[in-house]
Amino acid sequence: MNQALSINSDFLHDLSIIAEDEGLLKRVARYVKKLAKEHRADPTLMSEEEFFAKIERAEREIAEGKGITFTNKNEVHAWLNSL
């Protein structure tokens, strides 16, 4: 069994136990809402499609000479500090 199926199976089993206790079920529901809100609020999250499109754009920009190059770590640090 792959890992995702195992996690789903364990989760559903645990959830069936929790569903029998209203107090626990309310706590889980609040926590799930909190996790969903955090997930939506994270601007760094992107789909696989968005990720690869971003890489393709960067590769095109590099091919067009729009990339930034560094010859040593001091240049990298100076550039990062300038941001």
N, C-alpha and C. Protein backbone atom coordinates (compact mmCIF):
# COMPACT_ATOMS: atom_id res chain seq x y z
N MET A 1 0.86 -1.18 0.00
CA MET A 1 0.00 0.00 0.00
C MET A 1 0.90 1.24 0.00
N ASN A 2 0.58 2.20 -0.87
CA ASN A 2 1.44 3.39 -0.90
C ASN A 2 1.16 4.26 0.33
N GLN A 3 2.06 5.18 0.56
CA GLN A 3 2.02 5.98 1.79
C GLN A 3 0.75 6.82 1.90
N ALA A 4 0.30 7.42 0.78
CA ALA A 4 -0.90 8.25 0.83
C ALA A 4 -2.12 7.43 1.23
N LEU A 5 -2.24 6.22 0.69
CA LEU A 5 -3.37 5.37 1.05
C LEU A 5 -3.32 4.97 2.51
N SER A 6 -2.12 4.69 2.99
CA SER A 6 -1.96 4.33 4.39
C SER A 6 -2.35 5.49 5.31
N ILE A 7 -1.91 6.69 4.95
CA ILE A 7 -2.25 7.87 5.75
C ILE A 7 -3.76 8.09 5.72
N ASN A 8 -4.38 8.00 4.54
CA ASN A 8 -5.83 8.17 4.43
C ASN A 8 -6.56 7.14 5.27
N SER A 9 -6.11 5.90 5.20
CA SER A 9 -6.76 4.83 5.96
C SER A 9 -6.66 5.09 7.46
N ASP A 10 -5.45 5.43 7.92
CA ASP A 10 -5.26 5.74 9.35
C ASP A 10 -6.10 6.94 9.77
N PHE A 11 -6.11 7.98 8.93
CA PHE A 11 -6.87 9.19 9.24
C PHE A 11 -8.36 8.89 9.35
N LEU A 12 -8.90 8.16 8.37
CA LEU A 12 -10.33 7.85 8.40
C LEU A 12 -10.68 6.97 9.60
N HIS A 13 -9.80 6.06 9.96
CA HIS A 13 -10.04 5.23 11.14
C HIS A 13 -10.09 6.09 12.40
N ASP A 14 -9.09 6.96 12.54
CA ASP A 14 -9.06 7.85 13.71
C ASP A 14 -10.26 8.79 13.72
N LEU A 15 -10.64 9.28 12.55
CA LEU A 15 -11.78 10.19 12.46
C LEU A 15 -13.08 9.49 12.88
N SER A 16 -13.21 8.22 12.53
CA SER A 16 -14.42 7.49 12.93
C SER A 16 -14.51 7.37 14.45
N ILE A 17 -13.37 7.26 15.11
CA ILE A 17 -13.36 7.20 16.58
C ILE A 17 -13.72 8.58 17.15
N ILE A 18 -13.12 9.62 16.59
CA ILE A 18 -13.37 10.98 17.04
C ILE A 18 -14.83 11.38 16.83
N ALA A 19 -15.43 10.91 15.74
CA ALA A 19 -16.81 11.28 15.40
C ALA A 19 -17.81 10.85 16.47
N GLU A 20 -17.43 9.91 17.29
CA GLU A 20 -18.33 9.43 18.35
C GLU A 20 -18.33 10.35 19.57
N ASP A 21 -17.41 11.30 19.62
CA ASP A 21 -17.29 12.22 20.76
C ASP A 21 -17.48 13.64 20.24
N GLU A 22 -18.62 14.27 20.57
CA GLU A 22 -18.94 15.59 20.04
C GLU A 22 -17.87 16.63 20.38
N GLY A 23 -17.33 16.58 21.58
CA GLY A 23 -16.30 17.54 21.99
C GLY A 23 -15.04 17.42 21.14
N LEU A 24 -14.60 16.18 20.94
CA LEU A 24 -13.42 15.97 20.10
C LEU A 24 -13.69 16.37 18.67
N LEU A 25 -14.88 16.08 18.18
CA LEU A 25 -15.23 16.41 16.80
C LEU A 25 -15.22 17.93 16.60
N LYS A 26 -15.70 18.68 17.55
CA LYS A 26 -15.67 20.14 17.46
C LYS A 26 -14.23 20.66 17.44
N ARG A 27 -13.37 20.08 18.28
CA ARG A 27 -11.96 20.49 18.31
C ARG A 27 -11.29 20.22 16.97
N VAL A 28 -11.55 19.04 16.41
CA VAL A 28 -10.96 18.69 15.12
C VAL A 28 -11.45 19.64 14.03
N ALA A 29 -12.75 19.95 14.05
CA ALA A 29 -13.32 20.84 13.04
C ALA A 29 -12.67 22.23 13.13
N ARG A 30 -12.45 22.75 14.34
CA ARG A 30 -11.79 24.05 14.50
C ARG A 30 -10.36 24.00 13.97
N TYR A 31 -9.66 22.91 14.27
CA TYR A 31 -8.27 22.80 13.82
C TYR A 31 -8.19 22.68 12.30
N VAL A 32 -9.09 21.93 11.70
CA VAL A 32 -9.11 21.78 10.24
C VAL A 32 -9.38 23.12 9.58
N LYS A 33 -10.31 23.90 10.14
CA LYS A 33 -10.57 25.23 9.60
C LYS A 33 -9.33 26.10 9.69
N LYS A 34 -8.62 26.01 10.81
CA LYS A 34 -7.39 26.79 10.99
C LYS A 34 -6.34 26.39 9.95
N LEU A 35 -6.16 25.09 9.74
CA LEU A 35 -5.20 24.62 8.74
C LEU A 35 -5.57 25.10 7.34
N ALA A 36 -6.85 25.02 6.99
CA ALA A 36 -7.30 25.45 5.66
C ALA A 36 -7.05 26.95 5.48
N LYS A 37 -7.30 27.73 6.53
CA LYS A 37 -7.08 29.17 6.45
C LYS A 37 -5.60 29.47 6.26
N GLU A 38 -4.73 28.78 6.99
CA GLU A 38 -3.29 28.97 6.84
C GLU A 38 -2.83 28.60 5.44
N HIS A 39 -3.39 27.54 4.90
CA HIS A 39 -3.02 27.08 3.55
C HIS A 39 -3.40 28.13 2.51
N ARG A 40 -4.59 28.67 2.62
CA ARG A 40 -5.04 29.69 1.66
C ARG A 40 -4.23 30.97 1.80
N ALA A 41 -3.76 31.26 3.02
CA ALA A 41 -3.06 32.51 3.27
C ALA A 41 -1.60 32.48 2.86
N ASP A 42 -1.06 31.30 2.55
CA ASP A 42 0.35 31.19 2.22
C ASP A 42 0.59 31.55 0.76
N PRO A 43 1.20 32.72 0.50
CA PRO A 43 1.40 33.15 -0.89
C PRO A 43 2.45 32.34 -1.64
N THR A 44 3.22 31.52 -0.92
CA THR A 44 4.25 30.74 -1.59
C THR A 44 3.72 29.44 -2.16
N LEU A 45 2.51 29.05 -1.78
CA LEU A 45 1.95 27.80 -2.29
C LEU A 45 1.48 27.99 -3.72
N MET A 46 1.79 27.01 -4.56
CA MET A 46 1.35 27.07 -5.95
C MET A 46 1.16 25.65 -6.44
N SER A 47 0.38 25.53 -7.49
CA SER A 47 0.15 24.22 -8.08
C SER A 47 1.40 23.77 -8.82
N GLU A 48 1.45 22.50 -9.14
CA GLU A 48 2.58 21.97 -9.92
C GLU A 48 2.66 22.67 -11.27
N GLU A 49 1.50 22.92 -11.86
CA GLU A 49 1.45 23.61 -13.16
C GLU A 49 2.05 25.02 -13.05
N GLU A 50 1.67 25.76 -12.01
CA GLU A 50 2.20 27.11 -11.80
C GLU A 50 3.71 27.07 -11.57
N PHE A 51 4.16 26.08 -10.80
CA PHE A 51 5.57 25.95 -10.49
C PHE A 51 6.39 25.76 -11.76
N PHE A 52 5.96 24.82 -12.62
CA PHE A 52 6.73 24.55 -13.83
C PHE A 52 6.63 25.70 -14.84
N ALA A 53 5.51 26.41 -14.85
CA ALA A 53 5.39 27.58 -15.72
C ALA A 53 6.37 28.65 -15.27
N LYS A 54 6.53 28.81 -13.97
CA LYS A 54 7.47 29.79 -13.44
C LYS A 54 8.91 29.42 -13.83
N ILE A 55 9.23 28.15 -13.77
CA ILE A 55 10.57 27.70 -14.16
C ILE A 55 10.81 27.95 -15.65
N GLU A 56 9.80 27.66 -16.47
CA GLU A 56 9.93 27.89 -17.91
C GLU A 56 10.16 29.37 -18.22
N ARG A 57 9.43 30.25 -17.53
CA ARG A 57 9.62 31.70 -17.73
C ARG A 57 11.05 32.10 -17.35
N ALA A 58 11.53 31.58 -16.24
CA ALA A 58 12.88 31.91 -15.79
C ALA A 58 13.92 31.41 -16.79
N GLU A 59 13.71 30.22 -17.34
CA GLU A 59 14.66 29.69 -18.33
C GLU A 59 14.66 30.55 -19.59
N ARG A 60 13.48 31.03 -20.00
CA ARG A 60 13.41 31.93 -21.18
C ARG A 60 14.15 33.23 -20.89
N GLU A 61 13.94 33.79 -19.71
CA GLU A 61 14.61 35.04 -19.35
C GLU A 61 16.13 34.86 -19.33
N ILE A 62 16.59 33.74 -18.83
CA ILE A 62 18.03 33.48 -18.81
C ILE A 62 18.56 33.38 -20.24
N ALA A 63 17.82 32.67 -21.10
CA ALA A 63 18.24 32.53 -22.50
C ALA A 63 18.26 33.89 -23.20
N GLU A 64 17.41 34.81 -22.77
CA GLU A 64 17.35 36.15 -23.36
C GLU A 64 18.37 37.10 -22.72
N GLY A 65 19.16 36.57 -21.80
CA GLY A 65 20.18 37.39 -21.15
C GLY A 65 19.66 38.25 -20.02
N LYS A 66 18.48 37.96 -19.54
CA LYS A 66 17.89 38.76 -18.47
C LYS A 66 18.24 38.24 -17.07
N GLY A 67 19.00 37.17 -17.00
CA GLY A 67 19.34 36.59 -15.71
C GLY A 67 20.41 37.39 -14.98
N ILE A 68 20.57 37.10 -13.72
CA ILE A 68 21.61 37.73 -12.91
C ILE A 68 22.68 36.68 -12.65
N THR A 69 23.93 37.04 -12.82
CA THR A 69 25.02 36.11 -12.55
C THR A 69 25.93 36.67 -11.47
N PHE A 70 26.54 35.77 -10.75
CA PHE A 70 27.46 36.13 -9.68
C PHE A 70 28.74 35.34 -9.87
N THR A 71 29.85 35.93 -9.53
CA THR A 71 31.13 35.22 -9.65
C THR A 71 31.64 34.72 -8.31
N ASN A 72 31.06 35.22 -7.23
CA ASN A 72 31.47 34.73 -5.90
C ASN A 72 30.35 34.97 -4.89
N LYS A 73 30.53 34.41 -3.72
CA LYS A 73 29.46 34.50 -2.71
C LYS A 73 29.29 35.93 -2.18
N ASN A 74 30.32 36.73 -2.21
CA ASN A 74 30.19 38.11 -1.74
C ASN A 74 29.23 38.90 -2.62
N GLU A 75 29.26 38.65 -3.92
CA GLU A 75 28.32 39.30 -4.83
C GLU A 75 26.89 38.86 -4.54
N VAL A 76 26.74 37.59 -4.24
CA VAL A 76 25.41 37.07 -3.90
C VAL A 76 24.90 37.76 -2.64
N HIS A 77 25.75 37.82 -1.62
CA HIS A 77 25.34 38.45 -0.35
C HIS A 77 25.01 39.94 -0.56
N ALA A 78 25.80 40.62 -1.35
CA ALA A 78 25.55 42.04 -1.61
C ALA A 78 24.21 42.22 -2.31
N TRP A 79 23.94 41.35 -3.29
CA TRP A 79 22.67 41.44 -4.02
C TRP A 79 21.50 41.16 -3.09
N LEU A 80 21.61 40.10 -2.28
CA LEU A 80 20.53 39.77 -1.34
C LEU A 80 20.30 40.90 -0.34
N ASN A 81 21.37 41.50 0.14
CA ASN A 81 21.23 42.60 1.09
C ASN A 81 20.61 43.85 0.46
N SER A 82 20.71 43.95 -0.87
CA SER A 82 20.14 45.12 -1.55
C SER A 82 18.63 44.99 -1.73
N LEU A 83 18.10 43.82 -1.52
CA LEU A 83 16.65 43.61 -1.72
C LEU A 83 15.83 44.23 -0.63
